[in-house]
Amino acid sequence: MTLAAPPAVVSDAELFSEEALHDPYPLYRQLRDAGPAIYLARYGFWFLSRYDQVRWALSDWKTFSSDPGIGLNDAFNTAWSSALICLDPPEHTQQRKLFTERLSPRALRPLAATIDQRAEALAGQLLARGTFDAVTDLAYDLPINAIMDLVGWPTVAWTDSAFRVMGEMSEPGYPGRIRQPILIIAAGQDAIVSTPAIDEFAVRLRAGSHLIVPGSRHELLTEQDRFRLQALAAFDAFVPGTPLFA
């Protein structure tokens, strides 16, 4: 007897809608309840929604390759082509060895007490708040601080140089002294850097151009197409010759 394979679960879910970006968890639950693997017709790829299937896929790099990239558009994959997360063995293995020496359990052992203290203090702060986001409020803090303890925080000399350069760039006449052609593209709703400050600096460039992409967020190359394509078009218009992303 031949058993037919069950029909694929297909969804037209929009992962990058304003509603989903603001609160993605209801959509995640909807996809998880639909099945362990869902084909997202809007984007043309499969979405693994449950832990067992995600862990299985991550452990089988030959079937689920990270090369030539893990992004949803060619521009992102081109820009990140040499990043560790976008490589397969043996290249991935070679690069990971460099991190293992500093981030292995043996290397982290001397920092255990410091990490524990920081984790306990952070947990106390979050519990006092009552509610918190596990990613932005918890997961960002500990890894970043632990890694900086390993690789080293900026020295006094580095900080002094950085502030000196920032002071120079704040002078009203500084942008006009730049002779190298510069293209500055900024996100209209950037929550990480100051778009007004970028705009104020860019308008005083004598040899440069700038574009503010309204409605976009910090990482323009991974934004929705309607934002990302504006940035790429500005680059193509600024640099003569063959477009960077044909």
C-alpha atoms as a PDB file:
ATOM      1  CA  MET A   1       0.000   0.000   0.000  1.00  0.00           C
ATOM      2  CA  THR A   2       1.312   3.471  -0.900  1.00  0.00           C
ATOM      3  CA  LEU A   3       0.665   6.286   1.526  1.00  0.00           C
ATOM      4  CA  ALA A   4       0.425   9.778   0.098  1.00  0.00           C
ATOM      5  CA  ALA A   5       2.459  12.495   1.764  1.00  0.00           C
ATOM      6  CA  PRO A   6       0.344  14.963   3.740  1.00  0.00           C
ATOM      7  CA  PRO A   7      -0.272  18.264   1.944  1.00  0.00           C
ATOM      8  CA  ALA A   8       2.118  21.082   2.789  1.00  0.00           C
ATOM      9  CA  VAL A   9       0.876  23.783   5.130  1.00  0.00           C
ATOM     10  CA  VAL A  10       0.901  27.075   3.203  1.00  0.00           C
ATOM     11  CA  SER A  11       0.550  30.495   4.776  1.00  0.00           C
ATOM     12  CA  ASP A  12       0.323  34.018   3.361  1.00  0.00           C
ATOM     13  CA  ALA A  13       1.507  35.525   6.657  1.00  0.00           C
ATOM     14  CA  GLU A  14       3.356  38.845   6.407  1.00  0.00           C
ATOM     15  CA  LEU A  15       6.327  38.726   8.767  1.00  0.00           C
ATOM     16  CA  PHE A  16       7.312  42.349   8.245  1.00  0.00           C
ATOM     17  CA  SER A  17       3.990  44.139   8.555  1.00  0.00           C
ATOM     18  CA  GLU A  18       3.853  47.039  11.022  1.00  0.00           C
ATOM     19  CA  GLU A  19       1.673  44.932  13.319  1.00  0.00           C
ATOM     20  CA  ALA A  20       4.056  41.955  13.254  1.00  0.00           C
ATOM     21  CA  LEU A  21       7.138  44.109  13.796  1.00  0.00           C
ATOM     22  CA  HIS A  22       5.491  45.774  16.795  1.00  0.00           C
ATOM     23  CA  ASP A  23       4.325  42.483  18.365  1.00  0.00           C
ATOM     24  CA  PRO A  24       5.356  39.317  16.479  1.00  0.00           C
ATOM     25  CA  TYR A  25       4.340  36.791  19.113  1.00  0.00           C
ATOM     26  CA  PRO A  26       0.682  36.263  18.108  1.00  0.00           C
ATOM     27  CA  LEU A  27       1.878  35.537  14.557  1.00  0.00           C
ATOM     28  CA  TYR A  28       4.566  33.162  15.850  1.00  0.00           C
ATOM     29  CA  ARG A  29       1.919  31.269  17.832  1.00  0.00           C
ATOM     30  CA  GLN A  30      -0.356  31.102  14.787  1.00  0.00           C
ATOM     31  CA  LEU A  31       2.454  29.623  12.667  1.00  0.00           C
ATOM     32  CA  ARG A  32       3.528  27.241  15.420  1.00  0.00           C
ATOM     33  CA  ASP A  33      -0.019  25.955  15.827  1.00  0.00           C
ATOM     34  CA  ALA A  34      -0.335  25.457  12.050  1.00  0.00           C
ATOM     35  CA  GLY A  35       2.432  22.861  11.934  1.00  0.00           C
ATOM     36  CA  PRO A  36       6.171  22.216  12.397  1.00  0.00           C
ATOM     37  CA  ALA A  37       7.009  23.440   8.862  1.00  0.00           C
ATOM     38  CA  ILE A  38       5.010  26.064   6.973  1.00  0.00           C
ATOM     39  CA  TYR A  39       5.611  27.341   3.453  1.00  0.00           C
ATOM     40  CA  LEU A  40       5.367  31.145   3.438  1.00  0.00           C
ATOM     41  CA  ALA A  41       4.024  31.841  -0.047  1.00  0.00           C
ATOM     42  CA  ARG A  42       4.576  35.601   0.199  1.00  0.00           C
ATOM     43  CA  TYR A  43       8.369  35.117   0.513  1.00  0.00           C
ATOM     44  CA  GLY A  44       8.952  31.743  -1.141  1.00  0.00           C
ATOM     45  CA  PHE A  45      10.609  29.947   1.775  1.00  0.00           C
ATOM     46  CA  TRP A  46       9.862  27.445   4.535  1.00  0.00           C
ATOM     47  CA  PHE A  47       9.382  28.462   8.161  1.00  0.00           C
ATOM     48  CA  LEU A  48      10.274  25.959  10.909  1.00  0.00           C
ATOM     49  CA  SER A  49       8.128  26.895  13.871  1.00  0.00           C
ATOM     50  CA  ARG A  50       8.935  24.344  16.593  1.00  0.00           C
ATOM     51  CA  TYR A  51      11.988  23.607  18.712  1.00  0.00           C
ATOM     52  CA  ASP A  52      12.651  20.011  17.632  1.00  0.00           C
ATOM     53  CA  GLN A  53      12.587  20.856  13.934  1.00  0.00           C
ATOM     54  CA  VAL A  54      14.733  23.972  14.375  1.00  0.00           C
ATOM     55  CA  ARG A  55      17.352  22.062  16.360  1.00  0.00           C
ATOM     56  CA  TRP A  56      17.376  19.251  13.769  1.00  0.00           C
ATOM     57  CA  ALA A  57      17.868  21.725  10.916  1.00  0.00           C
ATOM     58  CA  LEU A  58      20.672  23.556  12.721  1.00  0.00           C
ATOM     59  CA  SER A  59      22.540  20.284  13.237  1.00  0.00           C
ATOM     60  CA  ASP A  60      22.343  19.267   9.537  1.00  0.00           C
ATOM     61  CA  TRP A  61      24.369  21.884   7.665  1.00  0.00           C
ATOM     62  CA  LYS A  62      24.651  19.794   4.507  1.00  0.00           C
ATOM     63  CA  THR A  63      20.875  19.854   3.994  1.00  0.00           C
ATOM     64  CA  PHE A  64      20.232  23.295   5.506  1.00  0.00           C
ATOM     65  CA  SER A  65      23.214  25.278   4.289  1.00  0.00           C
ATOM     66  CA  SER A  66      24.063  28.782   5.506  1.00  0.00           C
ATOM     67  CA  ASP A  67      26.091  29.468   2.361  1.00  0.00           C
ATOM     68  CA  PRO A  68      25.646  31.734   0.371  1.00  0.00           C
ATOM     69  CA  GLY A  69      23.701  33.524   3.078  1.00  0.00           C
ATOM     70  CA  ILE A  70      20.832  33.463   5.559  1.00  0.00           C
ATOM     71  CA  GLY A  71      19.169  36.724   4.538  1.00  0.00           C
ATOM     72  CA  LEU A  72      15.952  37.172   2.617  1.00  0.00           C
ATOM     73  CA  ASN A  73      17.505  39.357  -0.067  1.00  0.00           C
ATOM     74  CA  ASP A  74      20.634  39.275  -2.202  1.00  0.00           C
ATOM     75  CA  ALA A  75      21.911  42.631  -0.953  1.00  0.00           C
ATOM     76  CA  PHE A  76      22.100  41.409   2.644  1.00  0.00           C
ATOM     77  CA  ASN A  77      23.714  38.119   1.651  1.00  0.00           C
ATOM     78  CA  THR A  78      26.342  39.912  -0.437  1.00  0.00           C
ATOM     79  CA  ALA A  79      27.206  42.298   2.391  1.00  0.00           C
ATOM     80  CA  TRP A  80      27.430  39.492   4.975  1.00  0.00           C
ATOM     81  CA  SER A  81      28.971  36.781   2.776  1.00  0.00           C
ATOM     82  CA  SER A  82      32.098  36.440   4.947  1.00  0.00           C
ATOM     83  CA  ALA A  83      30.319  36.552   8.318  1.00  0.00           C
ATOM     84  CA  LEU A  84      30.622  33.455  10.513  1.00  0.00           C
ATOM     85  CA  ILE A  85      26.857  32.920  10.555  1.00  0.00           C
ATOM     86  CA  CYS A  86      26.811  32.739   6.733  1.00  0.00           C
ATOM     87  CA  LEU A  87      29.506  30.066   6.372  1.00  0.00           C
ATOM     88  CA  ASP A  88      29.493  26.260   6.238  1.00  0.00           C
ATOM     89  CA  PRO A  89      32.328  23.906   7.229  1.00  0.00           C
ATOM     90  CA  PRO A  90      35.255  23.855   6.706  1.00  0.00           C
ATOM     91  CA  GLU A  91      35.382  27.694   6.541  1.00  0.00           C
ATOM     92  CA  HIS A  92      32.970  27.988   9.474  1.00  0.00           C
ATOM     93  CA  THR A  93      35.035  25.536  11.534  1.00  0.00           C
ATOM     94  CA  GLN A  94      38.279  27.436  10.905  1.00  0.00           C
ATOM     95  CA  GLN A  95      36.828  30.778  11.919  1.00  0.00           C
ATOM     96  CA  ARG A  96      35.012  29.369  14.930  1.00  0.00           C
ATOM     97  CA  LYS A  97      38.295  28.057  16.339  1.00  0.00           C
ATOM     98  CA  LEU A  98      39.472  31.650  16.669  1.00  0.00           C
ATOM     99  CA  PHE A  99      36.511  32.454  18.934  1.00  0.00           C
ATOM    100  CA  THR A 100      36.624  29.189  20.872  1.00  0.00           C
ATOM    101  CA  GLU A 101      39.962  30.054  22.464  1.00  0.00           C
ATOM    102  CA  ARG A 102      38.456  33.159  24.078  1.00  0.00           C
ATOM    103  CA  LEU A 103      34.844  32.051  24.552  1.00  0.00           C
ATOM    104  CA  SER A 104      35.234  28.413  25.636  1.00  0.00           C
ATOM    105  CA  PRO A 105      34.066  27.284  29.131  1.00  0.00           C
ATOM    106  CA  ARG A 106      37.712  27.292  30.248  1.00  0.00           C
ATOM    107  CA  ALA A 107      38.203  30.885  29.086  1.00  0.00           C
ATOM    108  CA  LEU A 108      34.934  31.989  30.692  1.00  0.00           C
ATOM    109  CA  ARG A 109      35.635  30.302  34.049  1.00  0.00           C
ATOM    110  CA  PRO A 110      37.612  33.241  35.524  1.00  0.00           C
ATOM    111  CA  LEU A 111      34.672  35.508  34.687  1.00  0.00           C
ATOM    112  CA  ALA A 112      32.059  33.236  36.255  1.00  0.00           C
ATOM    113  CA  ALA A 113      31.734  35.236  39.475  1.00  0.00           C
ATOM    114  CA  THR A 114      31.477  38.547  37.601  1.00  0.00           C
ATOM    115  CA  ILE A 115      28.890  37.152  35.182  1.00  0.00           C
ATOM    116  CA  ASP A 116      26.869  35.651  38.041  1.00  0.00           C
ATOM    117  CA  GLN A 117      26.856  38.982  39.897  1.00  0.00           C
ATOM    118  CA  ARG A 118      25.781  40.860  36.790  1.00  0.00           C
ATOM    119  CA  ALA A 119      23.062  38.276  36.063  1.00  0.00           C
ATOM    120  CA  GLU A 120      21.710  38.443  39.624  1.00  0.00           C
ATOM    121  CA  ALA A 121      21.656  42.247  39.595  1.00  0.00           C
ATOM    122  CA  LEU A 122      19.911  42.323  36.223  1.00  0.00           C
ATOM    123  CA  ALA A 123      17.394  39.667  37.296  1.00  0.00           C
ATOM    124  CA  GLY A 124      16.585  41.721  40.387  1.00  0.00           C
ATOM    125  CA  GLN A 125      15.965  44.837  38.300  1.00  0.00           C
ATOM    126  CA  LEU A 126      13.732  42.978  35.849  1.00  0.00           C
ATOM    127  CA  LEU A 127      11.729  41.263  38.588  1.00  0.00           C
ATOM    128  CA  ALA A 128      11.129  44.618  40.235  1.00  0.00           C
ATOM    129  CA  ARG A 129       9.670  45.886  36.953  1.00  0.00           C
ATOM    130  CA  GLY A 130       7.184  43.018  36.821  1.00  0.00           C
ATOM    131  CA  THR A 131       7.222  42.582  33.031  1.00  0.00           C
ATOM    132  CA  PHE A 132      10.106  42.674  30.552  1.00  0.00           C
ATOM    133  CA  ASP A 133      11.184  41.557  27.090  1.00  0.00           C
ATOM    134  CA  ALA A 134      13.463  38.518  27.344  1.00  0.00           C
ATOM    135  CA  VAL A 135      15.399  39.531  24.224  1.00  0.00           C
ATOM    136  CA  THR A 136      15.886  43.292  24.453  1.00  0.00           C
ATOM    137  CA  ASP A 137      16.001  43.554  28.258  1.00  0.00           C
ATOM    138  CA  LEU A 138      17.816  40.331  29.181  1.00  0.00           C
ATOM    139  CA  ALA A 139      19.490  38.544  26.275  1.00  0.00           C
ATOM    140  CA  TYR A 140      21.224  41.663  24.922  1.00  0.00           C
ATOM    141  CA  ASP A 141      22.828  42.727  28.192  1.00  0.00           C
ATOM    142  CA  LEU A 142      24.693  39.667  29.434  1.00  0.00           C
ATOM    143  CA  PRO A 143      26.392  38.440  26.223  1.00  0.00           C
ATOM    144  CA  ILE A 144      27.536  41.918  25.197  1.00  0.00           C
ATOM    145  CA  ASN A 145      29.026  42.724  28.595  1.00  0.00           C
ATOM    146  CA  ALA A 146      30.652  39.287  28.954  1.00  0.00           C
ATOM    147  CA  ILE A 147      32.248  39.509  25.517  1.00  0.00           C
ATOM    148  CA  MET A 148      33.527  43.029  26.182  1.00  0.00           C
ATOM    149  CA  ASP A 149      35.150  41.773  29.388  1.00  0.00           C
ATOM    150  CA  LEU A 150      36.975  39.184  27.281  1.00  0.00           C
ATOM    151  CA  VAL A 151      38.060  41.311  24.325  1.00  0.00           C
ATOM    152  CA  GLY A 152      38.648  44.424  26.392  1.00  0.00           C
ATOM    153  CA  TRP A 153      36.848  47.701  26.844  1.00  0.00           C
ATOM    154  CA  PRO A 154      38.107  50.848  25.088  1.00  0.00           C
ATOM    155  CA  THR A 155      41.236  52.309  26.665  1.00  0.00           C
ATOM    156  CA  VAL A 156      41.520  55.865  27.981  1.00  0.00           C
ATOM    157  CA  ALA A 157      43.626  56.781  24.929  1.00  0.00           C
ATOM    158  CA  TRP A 158      41.031  55.331  22.556  1.00  0.00           C
ATOM    159  CA  THR A 159      38.244  57.203  24.317  1.00  0.00           C
ATOM    160  CA  ASP A 160      40.250  60.441  24.260  1.00  0.00           C
ATOM    161  CA  SER A 161      40.868  60.099  20.503  1.00  0.00           C
ATOM    162  CA  ALA A 162      37.205  59.296  19.836  1.00  0.00           C
ATOM    163  CA  PHE A 163      35.969  62.363  21.729  1.00  0.00           C
ATOM    164  CA  ARG A 164      38.574  64.562  20.050  1.00  0.00           C
ATOM    165  CA  VAL A 165      37.369  63.469  16.609  1.00  0.00           C
ATOM    166  CA  MET A 166      33.731  63.938  17.637  1.00  0.00           C
ATOM    167  CA  GLY A 167      34.565  67.444  18.785  1.00  0.00           C
ATOM    168  CA  GLU A 168      36.240  68.163  15.454  1.00  0.00           C
ATOM    169  CA  MET A 169      33.237  66.884  13.515  1.00  0.00           C
ATOM    170  CA  SER A 170      30.921  69.066  15.602  1.00  0.00           C
ATOM    171  CA  GLU A 171      32.611  72.245  14.390  1.00  0.00           C
ATOM    172  CA  PRO A 172      30.296  74.095  11.950  1.00  0.00           C
ATOM    173  CA  GLY A 173      32.977  74.391   9.273  1.00  0.00           C
ATOM    174  CA  TYR A 174      34.202  70.787   9.409  1.00  0.00           C
ATOM    175  CA  PRO A 175      31.831  69.228   6.796  1.00  0.00           C
ATOM    176  CA  GLY A 176      32.801  71.918   4.289  1.00  0.00           C
ATOM    177  CA  ARG A 177      36.476  70.935   4.580  1.00  0.00           C
ATOM    178  CA  ILE A 178      35.812  67.370   3.424  1.00  0.00           C
ATOM    179  CA  ARG A 179      36.786  66.960  -0.225  1.00  0.00           C
ATOM    180  CA  GLN A 180      36.160  63.232  -0.613  1.00  0.00           C
ATOM    181  CA  PRO A 181      32.731  62.568  -2.220  1.00  0.00           C
ATOM    182  CA  ILE A 182      30.498  60.983   0.407  1.00  0.00           C
ATOM    183  CA  LEU A 183      27.029  59.457   0.228  1.00  0.00           C
ATOM    184  CA  ILE A 184      25.146  59.378   3.524  1.00  0.00           C
ATOM    185  CA  ILE A 185      21.905  57.381   3.753  1.00  0.00           C
ATOM    186  CA  ALA A 186      19.975  57.489   7.007  1.00  0.00           C
ATOM    187  CA  ALA A 187      16.837  55.817   8.307  1.00  0.00           C
ATOM    188  CA  GLY A 188      13.914  58.108   9.050  1.00  0.00           C
ATOM    189  CA  GLN A 189      12.869  56.218  12.209  1.00  0.00           C
ATOM    190  CA  ASP A 190      16.317  55.194  13.465  1.00  0.00           C
ATOM    191  CA  ALA A 191      16.201  54.407  17.199  1.00  0.00           C
ATOM    192  CA  ILE A 192      19.967  53.813  17.482  1.00  0.00           C
ATOM    193  CA  VAL A 193      21.585  56.903  15.977  1.00  0.00           C
ATOM    194  CA  SER A 194      20.267  60.465  15.608  1.00  0.00           C
ATOM    195  CA  THR A 195      18.793  61.069  12.159  1.00  0.00           C
ATOM    196  CA  PRO A 196      18.463  64.851  12.749  1.00  0.00           C
ATOM    197  CA  ALA A 197      22.170  65.012  13.649  1.00  0.00           C
ATOM    198  CA  ILE A 198      23.078  63.111  10.469  1.00  0.00           C
ATOM    199  CA  ASP A 199      20.896  65.427   8.410  1.00  0.00           C
ATOM    200  CA  GLU A 200      22.409  68.530   9.978  1.00  0.00           C
ATOM    201  CA  PHE A 201      25.941  67.280   9.234  1.00  0.00           C
ATOM    202  CA  ALA A 202      25.174  66.071   5.705  1.00  0.00           C
ATOM    203  CA  VAL A 203      23.566  69.263   4.422  1.00  0.00           C
ATOM    204  CA  ARG A 204      26.867  71.093   5.028  1.00  0.00           C
ATOM    205  CA  LEU A 205      28.954  68.702   2.903  1.00  0.00           C
ATOM    206  CA  ARG A 206      30.399  70.370  -0.161  1.00  0.00           C
ATOM    207  CA  ALA A 207      31.280  67.118  -1.943  1.00  0.00           C
ATOM    208  CA  GLY A 208      28.571  64.814  -0.708  1.00  0.00           C
ATOM    209  CA  SER A 209      24.962  63.738  -1.064  1.00  0.00           C
ATOM    210  CA  HIS A 210      22.554  62.418   1.512  1.00  0.00           C
ATOM    211  CA  LEU A 211      19.176  60.719   1.654  1.00  0.00           C
ATOM    212  CA  ILE A 212      16.781  60.231   4.552  1.00  0.00           C
ATOM    213  CA  VAL A 213      14.515  57.219   3.934  1.00  0.00           C
ATOM    214  CA  PRO A 214      11.212  58.070   5.692  1.00  0.00           C
ATOM    215  CA  GLY A 215       9.677  55.334   7.812  1.00  0.00           C
ATOM    216  CA  SER A 216      12.708  53.043   7.753  1.00  0.00           C
ATOM    217  CA  ARG A 217      14.653  51.682  10.711  1.00  0.00           C
ATOM    218  CA  HIS A 218      18.381  51.361  11.390  1.00  0.00           C
ATOM    219  CA  GLU A 219      19.441  48.400   9.203  1.00  0.00           C
ATOM    220  CA  LEU A 220      18.435  49.644   5.768  1.00  0.00           C
ATOM    221  CA  LEU A 221      19.771  46.644   3.823  1.00  0.00           C
ATOM    222  CA  THR A 222      17.539  44.279   5.814  1.00  0.00           C
ATOM    223  CA  GLU A 223      14.476  46.550   5.710  1.00  0.00           C
ATOM    224  CA  GLN A 224      11.326  46.007   3.659  1.00  0.00           C
ATOM    225  CA  ASP A 225      11.874  46.289  -0.095  1.00  0.00           C
ATOM    226  CA  ARG A 226      10.121  49.670  -0.309  1.00  0.00           C
ATOM    227  CA  PHE A 227      12.796  51.129   1.994  1.00  0.00           C
ATOM    228  CA  ARG A 228      15.807  49.066   0.938  1.00  0.00           C
ATOM    229  CA  LEU A 229      15.367  49.771  -2.777  1.00  0.00           C
ATOM    230  CA  GLN A 230      15.492  53.520  -2.130  1.00  0.00           C
ATOM    231  CA  ALA A 231      18.900  53.110  -0.489  1.00  0.00           C
ATOM    232  CA  LEU A 232      20.224  50.940  -3.327  1.00  0.00           C
ATOM    233  CA  ALA A 233      18.901  53.349  -5.957  1.00  0.00           C
ATOM    234  CA  ALA A 234      20.656  56.231  -4.207  1.00  0.00           C
ATOM    235  CA  PHE A 235      23.915  54.274  -4.271  1.00  0.00           C
ATOM    236  CA  ASP A 236      23.568  53.471  -7.967  1.00  0.00           C
ATOM    237  CA  ALA A 237      22.886  57.137  -8.730  1.00  0.00           C
ATOM    238  CA  PHE A 238      25.867  58.291  -6.660  1.00  0.00           C
ATOM    239  CA  VAL A 239      28.481  55.843  -7.981  1.00  0.00           C
ATOM    240  CA  PRO A 240      28.931  55.854 -11.774  1.00  0.00           C
ATOM    241  CA  GLY A 241      29.309  52.588 -13.682  1.00  0.00           C
ATOM    242  CA  THR A 242      27.836  49.130 -13.075  1.00  0.00           C
ATOM    243  CA  PRO A 243      25.260  48.982 -10.266  1.00  0.00           C
ATOM    244  CA  LEU A 244      26.525  47.301  -7.089  1.00  0.00           C
ATOM    245  CA  PHE A 245      23.522  44.953  -6.960  1.00  0.00           C
ATOM    246  CA  ALA A 246      22.595  44.127 -10.572  1.00  0.00           C
END
